[in-house]
């Protein structure tokens, strides 16, 4: 069994975020410098989204509440990220070799599951577990146990969790 992280492991979240930032700036009539500011504030996906959107709202004097901006983001991001064909091919090869393949991811259910579905990963893995659904976050072992169970295996049988640095 192999369990993979989603963002910036199976999908290119950073590239999707840059597209989102450019769209957001255009939608809100912000200058070109705003895109760089948004990307820097994001910190390669490490910024807490509630705080991120509160700062965005304050910086640009937006009327929408931070929670609305965050909801819009969660709805849009799944359509902006991509899973490279070679990643899908690699997952298919693992499954052909008899390995069970799953995803363990932190984040809101709508965004993370949307990414899994929109990128085609839903058909490329045996199961997944999302912290926003399960109420536990990676690295909590319970999230891995849920993913393993959904892949039809026991975590006690060993496996790998792959994350890029």
Foldseek 3Di string as FASTA:
>chain_A
DAEEAPDPTQKPLLQLLLVVLVVVCVVLVHDPVSSVVLSVCCVSVPDDQLVSLCVVCVVSVDPDHSVVVSVVCLVPSLQRMEGDPVSLVVLQVCVVVVDAYEYEYEDAPSNVVSNCVSHVVVVSHQFYFYCNVVVDHPPPVVRVQVGQVSSVHGCVVPYYYDDDD
